[in-house]
Amino acid sequence: MKKGYFPVFLLMAGMMMSCGKKENMLVEEPKVYAINSGENEEAGGNTADGAEIPIPEGGDMSEVSGADSGNEASDENSASGRSAEKTPDKKAGELSGYQAAYEVLSIECEEEDGTDLTYNLIDVDGNGVPELAAVKNGYYVSLYTWDTGNTYTLMDHWGYGAMGNAGYEYCPGKNSLRNYNTDYAGAILYTTYMQVGSQHTIDTVAEIVTYNFDDVNGNGKPDEEEEGSLGNYSVSYINGEEVTGEECEAYNAGEYEYIQGIMSGEELRAKLKEL
């Protein structure tokens, strides 16, 4: 990311004028893992990457042990699976379904990232099962979903809060996510619209880049002689093709909310018991 040197107010101006692109949003096929019940102290063996290990019907997780999604290092903003090596001491108790899976998953998150992690249950795709957001507010977001006995990683420590990245938004129940990012203090605005795909990945729907200055020499950055056009000019592109503001707005699904943590781990686990 290049350093910006134009006034910061252009960031807000750019966000109001159109929508943009972020190169690293396409993600790889996620890895799937089942939650270890902790019943067997010496459970062993890892699953193959992406292997589906169903949680037994009724949520009796004592039948599942030693499950692992792999422990490879992941690139920034990729959907590689969380390691399930550690067997949590706390069992899921009487919980079943996504409630049991999220209870144990939250313990694993805290073992990896610390107890200052915060959580939220949000409805991204409107399928009746909430997604679990594990967030270090202002730094990164991890997002998980549950489907027919398996937990999937949608976002794995997606960073934000610096270098022009404003964070990740979702439109409740509409399966639409959005991210704003900027270069040169808002002179170039990127907006990426995404959705949860059928293979439990975050898929890019539209990558749109907006120039809020007249790039006369076509070098992709604002030069001194182009400063006069800042704030007085705007043009947007999708895949290099110029598009109108109406075409950009067509990707907007409604009212968006930022993905943020609002509960501690203890509060989340208490909430899950109420659902």
Foldseek 3Di string as FASTA:
>chain_A
DDAADDDLVLQVVLVVQFAFADPPQDEDQEFWKAAAQLPDVPFADEDDANDDDFQDPQAPRNVDHHYFNDDDDDDAFYFYDDGRRDHDPDGLPNDHFVLRRVLRVLVVCCVVPNQVWFWDFAAFAQPPGTKIWTDPPLFFIWIWGGDRRIIGTATDGHTANDQFKPAKKGDGNHQKIKTWGDDNSNQKIWMWIWGQDPSRYTGTDWGKIKGQWDPPVPPPDDDPVTVVSHNVDMWMDTPRHTDDRVVRCVSDPDDIDGDDGDGGSVRSSVVSVVD
